N, C-alpha and C. Protein backbone atom coordinates (compact mmCIF):
# COMPACT_ATOMS: atom_id res chain seq x y z
N MET A 1 2.18 8.61 -0.54
CA MET A 1 2.70 7.34 -0.11
C MET A 1 3.80 6.93 -1.08
N GLN A 2 4.94 6.65 -0.55
CA GLN A 2 6.07 6.27 -1.38
C GLN A 2 6.78 5.07 -0.79
N ASP A 3 7.36 4.27 -1.68
CA ASP A 3 8.18 3.16 -1.19
C ASP A 3 9.63 3.65 -1.11
N ASN A 4 10.54 2.75 -0.99
CA ASN A 4 11.94 3.15 -0.83
C ASN A 4 12.71 3.16 -2.14
N ALA A 5 12.02 3.35 -3.24
CA ALA A 5 12.70 3.46 -4.52
C ALA A 5 13.68 4.63 -4.45
N PRO A 6 14.82 4.52 -5.10
CA PRO A 6 15.83 5.58 -5.02
C PRO A 6 15.29 6.98 -5.34
N GLY A 7 14.43 7.07 -6.33
CA GLY A 7 13.88 8.38 -6.68
C GLY A 7 12.97 8.96 -5.62
N HIS A 8 12.34 8.08 -4.84
CA HIS A 8 11.45 8.54 -3.78
C HIS A 8 12.21 9.03 -2.56
N SER A 9 13.37 8.45 -2.32
CA SER A 9 14.12 8.81 -1.12
C SER A 9 15.30 9.74 -1.40
N ALA A 10 15.41 10.19 -2.64
CA ALA A 10 16.51 11.10 -2.99
C ALA A 10 16.35 12.42 -2.24
N LYS A 11 17.46 12.99 -1.87
CA LYS A 11 17.47 14.26 -1.13
C LYS A 11 16.70 15.33 -1.88
N GLU A 12 16.89 15.41 -3.20
CA GLU A 12 16.21 16.42 -4.01
C GLU A 12 14.70 16.23 -3.97
N THR A 13 14.26 14.99 -4.01
CA THR A 13 12.82 14.71 -3.97
C THR A 13 12.24 15.14 -2.64
N ILE A 14 12.91 14.77 -1.57
CA ILE A 14 12.43 15.12 -0.23
C ILE A 14 12.38 16.63 -0.05
N GLU A 15 13.41 17.32 -0.50
CA GLU A 15 13.43 18.79 -0.39
C GLU A 15 12.30 19.41 -1.22
N TYR A 16 12.06 18.87 -2.40
CA TYR A 16 11.00 19.39 -3.26
C TYR A 16 9.64 19.24 -2.59
N PHE A 17 9.39 18.06 -2.01
CA PHE A 17 8.13 17.85 -1.31
C PHE A 17 8.00 18.80 -0.12
N GLU A 18 9.10 19.02 0.59
CA GLU A 18 9.06 19.95 1.72
C GLU A 18 8.71 21.35 1.26
N GLU A 19 9.28 21.78 0.13
CA GLU A 19 8.97 23.10 -0.43
C GLU A 19 7.48 23.23 -0.76
N LEU A 20 6.90 22.14 -1.26
CA LEU A 20 5.49 22.15 -1.64
C LEU A 20 4.56 21.94 -0.45
N GLY A 21 5.12 21.59 0.69
CA GLY A 21 4.30 21.32 1.87
C GLY A 21 3.63 19.96 1.82
N VAL A 22 4.21 19.03 1.04
CA VAL A 22 3.65 17.69 0.93
C VAL A 22 4.05 16.88 2.16
N CYS A 23 3.08 16.28 2.81
CA CYS A 23 3.34 15.45 3.98
C CYS A 23 3.61 14.03 3.50
N ILE A 24 4.77 13.51 3.80
CA ILE A 24 5.13 12.15 3.42
C ILE A 24 4.79 11.23 4.58
N MET A 25 3.94 10.26 4.29
CA MET A 25 3.48 9.35 5.33
C MET A 25 4.44 8.17 5.47
N ALA A 26 4.63 7.73 6.70
CA ALA A 26 5.42 6.53 6.93
C ALA A 26 4.65 5.34 6.37
N TRP A 27 5.35 4.46 5.68
CA TRP A 27 4.72 3.31 5.06
C TRP A 27 5.41 2.06 5.56
N PRO A 28 4.70 1.25 6.35
CA PRO A 28 5.34 0.05 6.89
C PRO A 28 5.87 -0.85 5.77
N THR A 29 7.00 -1.47 6.01
CA THR A 29 7.60 -2.37 5.04
C THR A 29 6.65 -3.52 4.72
N PHE A 30 6.63 -3.89 3.45
CA PHE A 30 5.83 -5.01 2.97
C PHE A 30 4.34 -4.84 3.29
N SER A 31 3.80 -3.67 3.04
CA SER A 31 2.39 -3.40 3.30
C SER A 31 1.71 -2.80 2.07
N PRO A 32 1.75 -3.49 0.93
CA PRO A 32 1.12 -2.93 -0.26
C PRO A 32 -0.38 -2.76 -0.10
N ASP A 33 -0.99 -3.49 0.85
CA ASP A 33 -2.43 -3.36 1.08
C ASP A 33 -2.80 -1.98 1.60
N LEU A 34 -1.83 -1.23 2.11
CA LEU A 34 -2.10 0.13 2.59
C LEU A 34 -2.13 1.14 1.45
N ASN A 35 -1.63 0.75 0.30
CA ASN A 35 -1.57 1.65 -0.85
C ASN A 35 -2.97 1.81 -1.42
N PRO A 36 -3.51 3.02 -1.48
CA PRO A 36 -4.88 3.20 -1.95
C PRO A 36 -5.12 2.74 -3.38
N ILE A 37 -4.09 2.69 -4.21
CA ILE A 37 -4.31 2.26 -5.59
C ILE A 37 -4.76 0.81 -5.64
N GLU A 38 -4.38 0.01 -4.63
CA GLU A 38 -4.83 -1.38 -4.60
C GLU A 38 -6.35 -1.46 -4.47
N SER A 39 -6.94 -0.57 -3.68
CA SER A 39 -8.40 -0.51 -3.56
C SER A 39 -9.04 -0.07 -4.87
N VAL A 40 -8.37 0.85 -5.56
CA VAL A 40 -8.89 1.31 -6.86
C VAL A 40 -8.84 0.17 -7.86
N TRP A 41 -7.71 -0.56 -7.91
CA TRP A 41 -7.62 -1.70 -8.84
C TRP A 41 -8.72 -2.71 -8.55
N ASN A 42 -8.97 -3.01 -7.27
CA ASN A 42 -10.04 -3.96 -6.92
C ASN A 42 -11.40 -3.45 -7.36
N TRP A 43 -11.66 -2.17 -7.17
CA TRP A 43 -12.94 -1.60 -7.60
C TRP A 43 -13.08 -1.74 -9.11
N MET A 44 -12.01 -1.41 -9.84
CA MET A 44 -12.04 -1.51 -11.30
C MET A 44 -12.23 -2.95 -11.76
N LYS A 45 -11.55 -3.90 -11.11
CA LYS A 45 -11.70 -5.32 -11.45
C LYS A 45 -13.14 -5.76 -11.27
N ASP A 46 -13.75 -5.38 -10.14
CA ASP A 46 -15.15 -5.73 -9.90
C ASP A 46 -16.07 -5.11 -10.94
N TRP A 47 -15.81 -3.86 -11.30
CA TRP A 47 -16.62 -3.16 -12.30
C TRP A 47 -16.54 -3.89 -13.65
N ILE A 48 -15.34 -4.26 -14.04
CA ILE A 48 -15.14 -4.96 -15.32
C ILE A 48 -15.82 -6.32 -15.29
N GLU A 49 -15.68 -7.06 -14.19
CA GLU A 49 -16.31 -8.38 -14.09
C GLU A 49 -17.83 -8.27 -14.14
N GLU A 50 -18.37 -7.24 -13.46
CA GLU A 50 -19.82 -7.05 -13.45
C GLU A 50 -20.33 -6.69 -14.85
N LYS A 51 -19.59 -5.87 -15.54
CA LYS A 51 -20.03 -5.38 -16.84
C LYS A 51 -19.75 -6.37 -17.97
N TYR A 52 -18.63 -7.10 -17.89
CA TYR A 52 -18.20 -7.95 -19.00
C TYR A 52 -18.08 -9.43 -18.65
N GLY A 53 -18.16 -9.77 -17.38
CA GLY A 53 -18.04 -11.17 -16.98
C GLY A 53 -16.70 -11.76 -17.40
N ASP A 54 -16.75 -12.98 -17.89
CA ASP A 54 -15.53 -13.68 -18.30
C ASP A 54 -15.28 -13.54 -19.80
N GLN A 55 -15.89 -12.57 -20.40
CA GLN A 55 -15.76 -12.36 -21.85
C GLN A 55 -14.30 -12.18 -22.26
N TYR A 56 -13.90 -12.90 -23.30
CA TYR A 56 -12.54 -12.77 -23.82
C TYR A 56 -12.39 -11.41 -24.48
N MET A 57 -11.26 -10.77 -24.27
CA MET A 57 -10.97 -9.48 -24.90
C MET A 57 -9.56 -9.48 -25.46
N THR A 58 -9.42 -8.89 -26.61
CA THR A 58 -8.08 -8.70 -27.15
C THR A 58 -7.38 -7.65 -26.29
N PRO A 59 -6.07 -7.60 -26.32
CA PRO A 59 -5.37 -6.56 -25.55
C PRO A 59 -5.85 -5.15 -25.88
N THR A 60 -6.15 -4.89 -27.13
CA THR A 60 -6.61 -3.55 -27.52
C THR A 60 -7.96 -3.24 -26.89
N ILE A 61 -8.87 -4.19 -26.94
CA ILE A 61 -10.20 -3.98 -26.34
C ILE A 61 -10.07 -3.85 -24.83
N LEU A 62 -9.27 -4.72 -24.22
CA LEU A 62 -9.08 -4.68 -22.77
C LEU A 62 -8.53 -3.33 -22.33
N ARG A 63 -7.61 -2.78 -23.09
CA ARG A 63 -7.04 -1.47 -22.75
C ARG A 63 -8.16 -0.42 -22.68
N GLY A 64 -9.07 -0.44 -23.64
CA GLY A 64 -10.18 0.50 -23.63
C GLY A 64 -11.12 0.26 -22.47
N VAL A 65 -11.37 -1.01 -22.15
CA VAL A 65 -12.24 -1.34 -21.03
C VAL A 65 -11.63 -0.86 -19.71
N VAL A 66 -10.33 -1.03 -19.56
CA VAL A 66 -9.66 -0.56 -18.34
C VAL A 66 -9.75 0.96 -18.25
N ARG A 67 -9.61 1.64 -19.37
CA ARG A 67 -9.78 3.11 -19.35
C ARG A 67 -11.20 3.48 -18.93
N ASP A 68 -12.19 2.75 -19.46
CA ASP A 68 -13.58 3.01 -19.08
C ASP A 68 -13.79 2.78 -17.58
N ALA A 69 -13.19 1.70 -17.06
CA ALA A 69 -13.31 1.42 -15.63
C ALA A 69 -12.67 2.53 -14.81
N TRP A 70 -11.50 3.00 -15.25
CA TRP A 70 -10.82 4.09 -14.55
C TRP A 70 -11.72 5.33 -14.52
N ASP A 71 -12.34 5.64 -15.64
CA ASP A 71 -13.21 6.81 -15.71
C ASP A 71 -14.47 6.63 -14.86
N ALA A 72 -14.85 5.38 -14.59
CA ALA A 72 -16.07 5.10 -13.84
C ALA A 72 -15.87 5.11 -12.33
N VAL A 73 -14.63 5.14 -11.87
CA VAL A 73 -14.37 5.13 -10.42
C VAL A 73 -15.01 6.38 -9.82
N PRO A 74 -15.93 6.20 -8.87
CA PRO A 74 -16.61 7.36 -8.29
C PRO A 74 -15.65 8.29 -7.53
N GLU A 75 -15.88 9.56 -7.70
CA GLU A 75 -15.03 10.55 -7.04
C GLU A 75 -15.10 10.43 -5.52
N ASP A 76 -16.30 10.13 -4.99
CA ASP A 76 -16.42 10.01 -3.53
C ASP A 76 -15.65 8.79 -3.01
N PHE A 77 -15.52 7.74 -3.82
CA PHE A 77 -14.70 6.59 -3.44
C PHE A 77 -13.24 7.01 -3.32
N LEU A 78 -12.75 7.76 -4.31
CA LEU A 78 -11.37 8.24 -4.28
C LEU A 78 -11.14 9.18 -3.11
N ASN A 79 -12.09 10.08 -2.87
CA ASN A 79 -11.97 11.00 -1.74
C ASN A 79 -11.91 10.25 -0.42
N GLY A 80 -12.73 9.20 -0.30
CA GLY A 80 -12.74 8.39 0.92
C GLY A 80 -11.40 7.71 1.15
N LEU A 81 -10.80 7.21 0.07
CA LEU A 81 -9.48 6.59 0.20
C LEU A 81 -8.44 7.61 0.66
N THR A 82 -8.49 8.79 0.08
CA THR A 82 -7.54 9.83 0.44
C THR A 82 -7.70 10.24 1.90
N GLU A 83 -8.95 10.43 2.31
CA GLU A 83 -9.21 10.87 3.68
C GLU A 83 -8.88 9.80 4.71
N SER A 84 -8.91 8.53 4.29
CA SER A 84 -8.65 7.45 5.24
C SER A 84 -7.16 7.15 5.42
N MET A 85 -6.31 7.78 4.64
CA MET A 85 -4.88 7.46 4.69
C MET A 85 -4.24 7.64 6.07
N PRO A 86 -4.50 8.72 6.79
CA PRO A 86 -3.86 8.85 8.11
C PRO A 86 -4.22 7.69 9.05
N ALA A 87 -5.44 7.17 8.95
CA ALA A 87 -5.84 6.07 9.82
C ALA A 87 -5.25 4.74 9.36
N ARG A 88 -4.87 4.64 8.09
CA ARG A 88 -4.31 3.39 7.57
C ARG A 88 -2.88 3.17 8.03
N CYS A 89 -2.15 4.24 8.25
CA CYS A 89 -0.71 4.11 8.54
C CYS A 89 -0.38 4.32 10.00
């Protein structure tokens, strides 16, 4: 999934993806909710809130907590997001 950033729509990028057999999905304009990373961020936010609540964290501590949340994202959740992409677009 790519937006219309110049690097995403460059001829060289498109040709490279074609060489690799990467299927580029059409992404409706102004539809960030279709981007699977948004679901991942929400999962991580919920995980952090459940584990730490409203606890204050320094930027350094928060960085580590976000890494822990990233590592805790279940693989089957990620696989489900990937597999659901054709139906989302």
